[in-house]
Amino acid sequence: MSRLHDDPFLRAQLAIAALFSSLGFQYATWASRLPAIKSHLDLSAAEVGLLLMATGVGAAASFPLVAYLMRRLGSRRLSLVSAVGLALLLLVLAEAPNYPVALLIMAVDGALVACLNVAMNAQGAALEVKYERNAMSKLHATFSGGSLCAALLASGLNTVTSTVLVHFAVAAVLLLLLTAYARPGLLAQEQPAAEEKTEAASETSGAAGTSGASEKKSRARWTLPAAMTLWMGAAMAFGTVTEGAMNDWSAIYLRDVAKASAQLAPLGIAVVSGMMVLARLFADGWRSRWGDARIVRTGSALAGVGLALALLAGGVVPALIGFACVGLGIAAVTPCVYVAAAAQGSDALTLVATMGTVGLLGGPPVIGFIANGSGLVWGMAAVAASAVIVSLCSTQIRWTPQPKSADPDPGPGPDSLDDPLAA
């Protein structure tokens, strides 16, 4: 415990991890009660699908707002405001009187998710730059841990009460406690390295060119994204499509296509999620050893090829092996792309993060449309293709060099047992 007080890196790492955990916890909390919300509002399956799509629409539409708020508030304040907003929004959702109001609430939820997603990843990238240590993959693992805790809480509270408001009130209190814990340890440094270099260059131009430089900087905020930013956005979008679709469709594939039993079908989600958490705990060490470019390129190719071969082979066992390849290969994609985007500035990070949120929330319905028209095998083949596209996009990205520290992060193991996020 004394080391936590003495080590500023660990304090900041745990504070940022609390943000990642809170986002996963909030998302899984309302998702776990969708059946109850469906029953309360008397919704059809199509209306539930539109409700889910509203979050993606809210995230996509909020891009200009998120970019403005990042410049105005900075990642520290924006992360705290959006985390509090997401906690309170659960209470509003529990009391939604009708379907149109619920759609509006979910659109706002998508916008707040986009805000927190950008801000917390900016904090994680700044942590790596400031202390020259890899941490992003472990931070993303805590997102999955937050989702798991929310699912366990939902299951436990359901044995006591079926009231959605009580469940969401308990969850909101826990989320506010996580936010309060995170607040003192978050980094005050707001600007990514690329923006600092730009400002430093403009300052050296002299007082005579100050107004011109400021005007040029202001105009630059509204220029079209650079080509490499678009490549990063595409890699993020297709990577999160792969993640989200596997979580939503793997169990259905096992049951309807591979003809798995009711007991085996849920193993699809368990295999994907378990491999992703395991890989993210080790991925920071892999990044130090092999670099982000190789991790993303090889991992996404493994995910796509492994799933494609499983679909060709058919059957339960090949499917589970293919799902394991997806979880292992795609796990480190989003952490690495977030770090690369943050190095290009807050606007690039905002665009890439927004595309990731849209892919995560909008990808599963798109796969559903493909499955409805051509069959679930073709829908899952689209997931495999998405992973391969990530590998192709990665060749066009300028990746952030790895920290050259004397003691690189080895990932979970005997040398990192003192890292609280490695457990």
Protein backbone atom coordinates (compact mmCIF):
# COMPACT_ATOMS: atom_id res chain seq x y z
CA MET A 1 0.00 0.00 0.00
CA SER A 2 2.87 2.36 0.79
CA ARG A 3 4.18 1.95 -2.73
CA LEU A 4 0.87 3.15 -4.14
CA HIS A 5 1.28 6.39 -2.18
CA ASP A 6 4.94 6.79 -3.20
CA ASP A 7 4.67 5.87 -6.90
CA PRO A 8 2.90 8.57 -8.97
CA PHE A 9 2.69 6.23 -11.97
CA LEU A 10 0.71 3.63 -10.04
CA ARG A 11 -1.58 6.27 -8.54
CA ALA A 12 -2.37 7.69 -11.97
CA GLN A 13 -2.69 4.21 -13.50
CA LEU A 14 -5.27 3.17 -10.90
CA ALA A 15 -7.19 6.44 -11.28
CA ILE A 16 -7.44 6.06 -15.05
CA ALA A 17 -8.29 2.38 -14.64
CA ALA A 18 -11.26 3.45 -12.52
CA LEU A 19 -12.56 5.44 -15.51
CA PHE A 20 -12.18 2.47 -17.85
CA SER A 21 -13.91 0.21 -15.33
CA SER A 22 -16.76 2.67 -14.88
CA LEU A 23 -17.45 2.82 -18.62
CA GLY A 24 -17.57 -0.96 -18.90
CA PHE A 25 -19.70 -1.15 -15.76
CA GLN A 26 -22.22 1.43 -16.97
CA TYR A 27 -22.55 -0.16 -20.41
CA ALA A 28 -23.09 -3.67 -19.06
CA THR A 29 -25.50 -2.42 -16.39
CA TRP A 30 -28.15 -1.12 -18.77
CA ALA A 31 -27.47 -3.87 -21.33
CA SER A 32 -28.14 -6.53 -18.69
CA ARG A 33 -31.60 -5.08 -18.05
CA LEU A 34 -32.71 -4.75 -21.68
CA PRO A 35 -35.32 -7.50 -21.26
CA ALA A 36 -36.88 -5.61 -18.33
CA ILE A 37 -36.78 -2.31 -20.23
CA LYS A 38 -38.33 -4.04 -23.25
CA SER A 39 -41.14 -5.37 -21.08
CA HIS A 40 -41.68 -2.06 -19.24
CA LEU A 41 -42.01 -0.06 -22.46
CA ASP A 42 -43.75 -2.90 -24.36
CA LEU A 43 -41.22 -2.85 -27.19
CA SER A 44 -40.90 -5.14 -30.20
CA ALA A 45 -37.60 -6.71 -31.21
CA ALA A 46 -37.21 -4.10 -33.97
CA GLU A 47 -37.78 -1.27 -31.49
CA VAL A 48 -35.10 -2.72 -29.19
CA GLY A 49 -32.74 -2.76 -32.17
CA LEU A 50 -33.46 0.92 -32.84
CA LEU A 51 -32.91 1.65 -29.16
CA LEU A 52 -29.44 0.12 -29.42
CA MET A 53 -28.77 1.99 -32.65
CA ALA A 54 -29.64 5.27 -30.91
CA THR A 55 -26.46 5.00 -28.84
CA GLY A 56 -24.36 4.70 -32.00
CA VAL A 57 -26.16 7.62 -33.60
CA GLY A 58 -25.61 9.72 -30.49
CA ALA A 59 -21.92 8.87 -30.47
CA ALA A 60 -21.47 9.66 -34.17
CA ALA A 61 -23.41 12.92 -34.03
CA SER A 62 -21.46 14.11 -30.98
CA PHE A 63 -18.06 14.23 -32.73
CA PRO A 64 -17.94 18.06 -33.14
CA LEU A 65 -19.13 18.51 -29.54
CA VAL A 66 -16.56 16.08 -28.14
CA ALA A 67 -13.75 17.78 -30.08
CA TYR A 68 -14.85 21.17 -28.72
CA LEU A 69 -15.15 19.92 -25.14
CA MET A 70 -11.72 18.29 -25.28
CA ARG A 71 -10.19 21.63 -26.24
CA ARG A 72 -12.34 23.57 -23.79
CA LEU A 73 -12.22 21.32 -20.71
CA GLY A 74 -9.28 19.00 -21.28
CA SER A 75 -9.30 15.25 -20.76
CA ARG A 76 -9.28 15.38 -16.94
CA ARG A 77 -12.38 17.53 -16.48
CA LEU A 78 -14.25 16.02 -19.43
CA SER A 79 -13.73 12.49 -18.12
CA LEU A 80 -15.09 13.42 -14.69
CA VAL A 81 -18.12 15.30 -16.06
CA SER A 82 -19.05 12.54 -18.50
CA ALA A 83 -18.55 9.79 -15.90
CA VAL A 84 -20.93 11.55 -13.50
CA GLY A 85 -23.39 12.10 -16.34
CA LEU A 86 -23.38 8.41 -17.27
CA ALA A 87 -24.05 7.42 -13.66
CA LEU A 88 -27.03 9.75 -13.34
CA LEU A 89 -28.35 8.77 -16.75
CA LEU A 90 -29.02 5.26 -15.45
CA LEU A 91 -31.61 6.70 -13.06
CA VAL A 92 -33.27 8.63 -15.88
CA LEU A 93 -33.38 5.52 -18.08
CA ALA A 94 -34.99 3.48 -15.31
CA GLU A 95 -37.86 6.00 -15.16
CA ALA A 96 -38.27 6.54 -18.92
CA PRO A 97 -42.05 6.97 -19.42
CA ASN A 98 -42.24 6.00 -23.10
CA TYR A 99 -40.27 4.85 -26.13
CA PRO A 100 -39.44 8.27 -27.67
CA VAL A 101 -37.99 9.44 -24.36
CA ALA A 102 -35.99 6.21 -24.08
CA LEU A 103 -34.57 6.81 -27.58
CA LEU A 104 -33.49 10.32 -26.56
CA ILE A 105 -31.90 9.01 -23.36
CA MET A 106 -29.91 6.38 -25.28
CA ALA A 107 -28.74 8.98 -27.80
CA VAL A 108 -27.48 11.12 -24.90
CA ASP A 109 -25.85 7.99 -23.45
CA GLY A 110 -23.99 7.51 -26.73
CA ALA A 111 -22.74 11.09 -26.65
CA LEU A 112 -21.54 10.76 -23.05
CA VAL A 113 -19.88 7.43 -23.85
CA ALA A 114 -18.03 9.15 -26.71
CA CYS A 115 -16.89 11.92 -24.33
CA LEU A 116 -15.61 9.53 -21.67
CA ASN A 117 -14.07 7.21 -24.25
CA VAL A 118 -12.00 10.02 -25.77
CA ALA A 119 -11.05 11.60 -22.44
CA MET A 120 -9.99 8.43 -20.64
CA ASN A 121 -7.93 7.22 -23.61
CA ALA A 122 -6.25 10.64 -23.77
CA GLN A 123 -5.38 10.18 -20.10
CA GLY A 124 -4.01 6.70 -20.80
CA ALA A 125 -1.89 7.91 -23.71
CA ALA A 126 -0.57 10.83 -21.62
CA LEU A 127 0.33 8.35 -18.86
CA GLU A 128 2.48 6.35 -21.27
CA VAL A 129 4.20 9.50 -22.59
CA LYS A 130 4.81 11.03 -19.17
CA TYR A 131 6.29 7.95 -17.51
CA GLU A 132 7.61 6.18 -20.64
CA ARG A 133 5.90 2.93 -19.66
CA ASN A 134 3.26 0.93 -21.53
CA ALA A 135 -0.08 0.82 -19.75
CA MET A 136 -2.89 1.13 -22.31
CA SER A 137 -3.59 -2.57 -22.79
CA LYS A 138 -4.03 -3.20 -19.06
CA LEU A 139 -6.32 -0.17 -18.87
CA HIS A 140 -8.51 -1.65 -21.59
CA ALA A 141 -8.56 -4.94 -19.69
CA THR A 142 -10.17 -3.13 -16.76
CA PHE A 143 -13.01 -2.09 -19.09
CA SER A 144 -13.79 -5.78 -19.54
CA GLY A 145 -13.43 -6.27 -15.79
CA GLY A 146 -16.00 -3.53 -15.18
CA SER A 147 -18.43 -5.23 -17.56
CA LEU A 148 -17.97 -8.52 -15.72
CA CYS A 149 -18.62 -6.90 -12.34
CA ALA A 150 -21.78 -5.26 -13.68
CA ALA A 151 -23.06 -8.60 -14.95
CA LEU A 152 -22.43 -10.22 -11.56
CA LEU A 153 -24.16 -7.33 -9.77
CA ALA A 154 -27.19 -7.61 -12.07
CA SER A 155 -27.41 -11.34 -11.43
CA GLY A 156 -27.14 -10.88 -7.66
CA LEU A 157 -29.66 -8.06 -7.41
CA ASN A 158 -32.13 -9.96 -9.56
CA THR A 159 -32.33 -12.58 -6.83
CA VAL A 160 -33.35 -9.85 -4.37
CA THR A 161 -35.51 -7.52 -6.45
CA SER A 162 -36.60 -7.21 -10.07
CA THR A 163 -37.03 -3.42 -9.85
CA VAL A 164 -34.85 -1.74 -12.44
CA LEU A 165 -34.71 1.56 -10.51
CA VAL A 166 -33.22 -0.13 -7.43
CA HIS A 167 -30.62 -1.90 -9.55
CA PHE A 168 -29.67 1.27 -11.43
CA ALA A 169 -29.57 3.30 -8.20
CA VAL A 170 -27.06 0.87 -6.67
CA ALA A 171 -25.03 0.92 -9.89
CA ALA A 172 -25.09 4.75 -9.98
CA VAL A 173 -23.75 4.96 -6.44
CA LEU A 174 -20.91 2.58 -7.30
CA LEU A 175 -20.11 4.58 -10.43
CA LEU A 176 -20.00 7.84 -8.48
CA LEU A 177 -17.66 6.24 -5.95
CA LEU A 178 -15.37 5.10 -8.77
CA THR A 179 -15.36 8.64 -10.19
CA ALA A 180 -14.58 10.12 -6.78
CA TYR A 181 -11.69 7.65 -6.41
CA ALA A 182 -10.33 8.56 -9.85
CA ARG A 183 -10.46 12.33 -9.41
CA PRO A 184 -7.33 12.98 -7.29
CA GLY A 185 -5.06 10.75 -9.39
CA LEU A 186 -5.92 11.89 -12.91
CA LEU A 187 -3.23 13.68 -14.90
CA ALA A 188 -3.41 17.44 -15.22
CA GLN A 189 -1.40 17.35 -18.46
CA GLU A 190 -3.97 17.76 -21.23
CA GLN A 191 -2.11 18.27 -24.49
CA PRO A 192 -0.76 15.33 -26.51
CA ALA A 193 2.85 15.55 -27.58
CA ALA A 194 2.05 16.51 -31.18
CA GLU A 195 0.04 19.55 -30.09
CA GLU A 196 2.78 20.66 -27.69
CA LYS A 197 5.34 20.58 -30.49
CA THR A 198 3.05 22.63 -32.74
CA GLU A 199 2.56 25.27 -30.06
CA ALA A 200 6.27 25.38 -29.24
CA ALA A 201 7.09 25.98 -32.90
CA SER A 202 4.54 28.78 -33.12
CA GLU A 203 5.91 30.47 -29.99
CA THR A 204 9.43 30.63 -31.44
CA SER A 205 8.21 32.53 -34.48
CA GLY A 206 8.34 35.80 -32.48
CA ALA A 207 5.88 38.36 -31.26
CA ALA A 208 5.36 39.83 -34.74
CA GLY A 209 3.86 36.58 -36.00
CA THR A 210 1.84 35.74 -32.91
CA SER A 211 -1.56 36.81 -34.23
CA GLY A 212 -0.98 35.12 -37.57
CA ALA A 213 0.08 31.90 -35.89
CA SER A 214 -2.97 31.96 -33.63
CA GLU A 215 -5.25 32.54 -36.59
CA LYS A 216 -3.60 29.67 -38.47
CA LYS A 217 -3.92 27.39 -35.43
CA SER A 218 -7.61 28.29 -35.10
CA ARG A 219 -8.26 27.49 -38.73
CA ALA A 220 -6.36 24.20 -38.42
CA ARG A 221 -8.89 23.00 -35.90
CA TRP A 222 -11.53 22.81 -38.61
CA THR A 223 -9.52 21.33 -41.49
CA LEU A 224 -10.26 17.89 -42.88
CA PRO A 225 -8.56 14.98 -41.10
CA ALA A 226 -5.19 13.85 -42.41
CA ALA A 227 -5.06 10.66 -44.45
CA MET A 228 -3.30 8.76 -41.68
CA THR A 229 -5.99 9.81 -39.20
CA LEU A 230 -8.59 8.32 -41.53
CA TRP A 231 -6.59 5.09 -41.73
CA MET A 232 -6.47 4.96 -37.93
CA GLY A 233 -10.21 5.64 -37.79
CA ALA A 234 -10.88 2.83 -40.26
CA ALA A 235 -8.69 0.42 -38.26
CA MET A 236 -10.50 1.39 -35.06
CA ALA A 237 -13.97 1.08 -36.62
CA PHE A 238 -13.38 -2.35 -38.15
CA GLY A 239 -11.59 -3.53 -34.99
CA THR A 240 -14.53 -2.59 -32.78
CA VAL A 241 -16.98 -4.09 -35.29
CA THR A 242 -15.10 -7.35 -34.80
CA GLU A 243 -15.23 -7.04 -31.00
CA GLY A 244 -18.89 -6.09 -30.77
CA ALA A 245 -20.15 -8.59 -33.32
CA MET A 246 -18.38 -11.49 -31.64
CA ASN A 247 -19.91 -10.62 -28.28
CA ASP A 248 -23.41 -10.37 -29.76
CA TRP A 249 -23.43 -13.18 -32.34
CA SER A 250 -21.03 -15.91 -31.18
CA ALA A 251 -23.58 -17.68 -28.96
CA ILE A 252 -26.24 -17.55 -31.68
CA TYR A 253 -23.77 -18.97 -34.22
CA LEU A 254 -22.94 -21.86 -31.91
CA ARG A 255 -26.59 -22.64 -31.29
CA ASP A 256 -28.10 -22.15 -34.75
CA VAL A 257 -25.23 -23.02 -37.12
CA ALA A 258 -22.81 -25.24 -35.19
CA LYS A 259 -25.75 -26.94 -33.42
CA ALA A 260 -24.19 -26.65 -29.96
CA SER A 261 -26.25 -27.55 -26.92
CA ALA A 262 -27.87 -24.88 -24.75
CA GLN A 263 -25.11 -25.47 -22.18
CA LEU A 264 -22.28 -24.99 -24.70
CA ALA A 265 -23.67 -22.01 -26.64
CA PRO A 266 -22.74 -19.35 -24.02
CA LEU A 267 -19.11 -20.53 -24.18
CA GLY A 268 -18.69 -18.46 -27.33
CA ILE A 269 -18.87 -15.20 -25.40
CA ALA A 270 -16.81 -16.66 -22.57
CA VAL A 271 -14.01 -17.74 -24.91
CA VAL A 272 -13.84 -14.40 -26.74
CA SER A 273 -14.02 -12.30 -23.57
CA GLY A 274 -11.63 -14.51 -21.62
CA MET A 275 -8.98 -14.45 -24.34
CA MET A 276 -9.33 -10.69 -24.73
CA VAL A 277 -8.82 -10.04 -21.03
CA LEU A 278 -5.86 -12.44 -20.90
CA ALA A 279 -4.24 -10.92 -24.00
CA ARG A 280 -4.69 -7.36 -22.76
CA LEU A 281 -2.99 -8.20 -19.48
CA PHE A 282 0.07 -9.40 -21.41
CA ALA A 283 -0.11 -7.04 -24.40
CA ASP A 284 1.85 -4.14 -22.86
CA GLY A 285 4.84 -6.46 -22.55
CA TRP A 286 4.37 -7.62 -26.14
CA ARG A 287 4.24 -4.00 -27.29
CA SER A 288 7.58 -3.28 -25.60
CA ARG A 289 9.14 -6.33 -27.21
CA TRP A 290 7.74 -6.28 -30.75
CA GLY A 291 6.19 -2.85 -31.25
CA ASP A 292 2.63 -1.73 -31.89
CA ALA A 293 2.78 -2.17 -35.68
CA ARG A 294 3.60 -5.86 -35.54
CA ILE A 295 1.13 -6.53 -32.72
CA VAL A 296 -1.78 -4.96 -34.63
CA ARG A 297 -0.87 -6.35 -38.04
CA THR A 298 -0.23 -9.92 -36.86
CA GLY A 299 -3.01 -10.01 -34.28
CA SER A 300 -5.78 -8.80 -36.58
CA ALA A 301 -4.62 -11.17 -39.32
CA LEU A 302 -4.75 -14.04 -36.82
CA ALA A 303 -8.29 -13.04 -35.84
CA GLY A 304 -9.54 -12.87 -39.43
CA VAL A 305 -7.84 -15.99 -40.76
CA GLY A 306 -8.61 -18.03 -37.64
CA LEU A 307 -12.32 -17.19 -37.78
CA ALA A 308 -12.51 -17.79 -41.54
CA LEU A 309 -10.95 -21.25 -41.20
CA ALA A 310 -13.37 -22.06 -38.36
CA LEU A 311 -16.34 -21.10 -40.54
CA LEU A 312 -15.05 -23.29 -43.38
CA ALA A 313 -14.49 -26.26 -41.06
CA GLY A 314 -17.86 -25.97 -39.29
CA GLY A 315 -18.69 -27.59 -35.96
CA VAL A 316 -18.47 -26.57 -32.34
CA VAL A 317 -14.79 -27.21 -31.63
CA PRO A 318 -13.46 -25.34 -34.71
CA ALA A 319 -15.82 -22.47 -33.86
CA LEU A 320 -14.48 -22.19 -30.31
CA ILE A 321 -10.89 -22.29 -31.61
CA GLY A 322 -11.74 -19.58 -34.16
CA PHE A 323 -13.38 -17.46 -31.46
CA ALA A 324 -10.26 -17.83 -29.31
CA CYS A 325 -8.16 -16.57 -32.24
CA VAL A 326 -10.40 -13.52 -32.53
CA GLY A 327 -10.17 -12.71 -28.81
CA LEU A 328 -6.40 -13.18 -28.76
CA GLY A 329 -5.70 -11.34 -31.99
CA ILE A 330 -8.03 -8.35 -31.76
CA ALA A 331 -7.44 -7.55 -28.06
CA ALA A 332 -4.50 -5.18 -28.50
CA VAL A 333 -5.79 -3.38 -31.60
CA THR A 334 -7.79 -0.64 -29.88
CA PRO A 335 -5.17 0.19 -27.20
CA CYS A 336 -2.44 0.54 -29.84
CA VAL A 337 -4.58 2.64 -32.21
CA TYR A 338 -5.63 4.95 -29.37
CA VAL A 339 -1.97 5.61 -28.50
CA ALA A 340 -1.12 6.35 -32.15
CA ALA A 341 -4.11 8.67 -32.49
CA ALA A 342 -3.33 10.55 -29.28
CA ALA A 343 0.14 11.31 -30.62
CA GLN A 344 -1.49 13.21 -33.51
CA GLY A 345 -3.49 15.54 -31.25
CA SER A 346 -6.86 15.73 -29.54
CA ASP A 347 -8.88 16.17 -32.74
CA ALA A 348 -7.39 13.02 -34.27
CA LEU A 349 -8.02 11.11 -31.04
CA THR A 350 -11.61 12.36 -30.92
CA LEU A 351 -12.33 11.27 -34.49
CA VAL A 352 -10.72 7.85 -34.04
CA ALA A 353 -12.44 7.22 -30.72
CA THR A 354 -15.81 8.27 -32.15
CA MET A 355 -15.39 5.86 -35.06
CA GLY A 356 -14.52 3.16 -32.56
CA THR A 357 -17.65 3.82 -30.53
CA VAL A 358 -19.79 3.78 -33.67
CA GLY A 359 -18.20 0.50 -34.78
CA LEU A 360 -18.73 -1.12 -31.39
CA LEU A 361 -22.37 -0.08 -31.13
CA GLY A 362 -23.35 -0.10 -34.80
CA GLY A 363 -21.41 -3.13 -36.04
CA PRO A 364 -23.57 -5.87 -34.46
CA PRO A 365 -26.81 -4.61 -36.09
CA VAL A 366 -25.06 -4.47 -39.49
CA ILE A 367 -23.91 -8.07 -39.06
CA GLY A 368 -27.52 -8.87 -38.17
CA PHE A 369 -28.74 -7.35 -41.43
CA ILE A 370 -26.23 -9.45 -43.39
CA ALA A 371 -27.24 -12.58 -41.48
CA ASN A 372 -30.91 -11.87 -42.12
CA GLY A 373 -30.35 -11.58 -45.86
CA SER A 374 -27.68 -14.21 -46.52
CA GLY A 375 -27.35 -16.36 -43.40
CA LEU A 376 -25.30 -16.13 -40.24
CA VAL A 377 -22.28 -17.84 -41.80
CA TRP A 378 -21.95 -14.92 -44.19
CA GLY A 379 -22.51 -12.52 -41.32
CA MET A 380 -19.63 -14.07 -39.40
CA ALA A 381 -17.56 -14.06 -42.59
CA ALA A 382 -18.05 -10.27 -42.62
CA VAL A 383 -16.61 -10.21 -39.10
CA ALA A 384 -13.54 -12.14 -40.32
CA ALA A 385 -13.19 -9.70 -43.22
CA SER A 386 -13.35 -6.77 -40.80
CA ALA A 387 -10.39 -8.17 -38.87
CA VAL A 388 -8.36 -8.62 -42.07
CA ILE A 389 -9.17 -5.00 -43.08
CA VAL A 390 -7.68 -3.87 -39.74
CA SER A 391 -4.43 -5.63 -40.67
CA LEU A 392 -4.37 -3.88 -44.06
CA CYS A 393 -5.09 -0.47 -42.52
CA SER A 394 -2.28 -0.94 -40.01
CA THR A 395 0.30 -0.83 -42.80
CA GLN A 396 -0.65 2.81 -43.50
CA ILE A 397 -0.32 4.05 -39.92
CA ARG A 398 2.72 5.75 -38.40
CA TRP A 399 2.98 3.99 -35.07
CA THR A 400 4.24 5.55 -31.86
CA PRO A 401 7.79 4.39 -30.99
CA GLN A 402 7.95 2.26 -27.86
CA PRO A 403 9.41 3.77 -24.67
CA LYS A 404 13.10 2.99 -24.33
CA SER A 405 13.11 2.42 -20.61
CA ALA A 406 15.58 0.30 -18.76
CA ASP A 407 12.82 -1.80 -17.30
CA PRO A 408 10.11 -2.33 -19.92
CA ASP A 409 6.74 -3.61 -18.81
CA PRO A 410 6.94 -7.40 -19.15
CA GLY A 411 3.21 -7.99 -18.75
CA PRO A 412 1.79 -10.11 -15.95
CA GLY A 413 4.37 -12.41 -14.52
CA PRO A 414 6.84 -12.86 -11.70
CA ASP A 415 8.46 -9.48 -12.37
CA SER A 416 5.22 -7.52 -12.35
CA LEU A 417 3.35 -8.88 -9.35
CA ASP A 418 3.60 -5.48 -7.69
CA ASP A 419 1.52 -3.91 -10.47
CA PRO A 420 -2.05 -3.71 -9.15
CA LEU A 421 -3.48 -3.84 -12.68
CA ALA A 422 -1.59 -7.01 -13.54
CA ALA A 423 -3.62 -9.10 -11.16
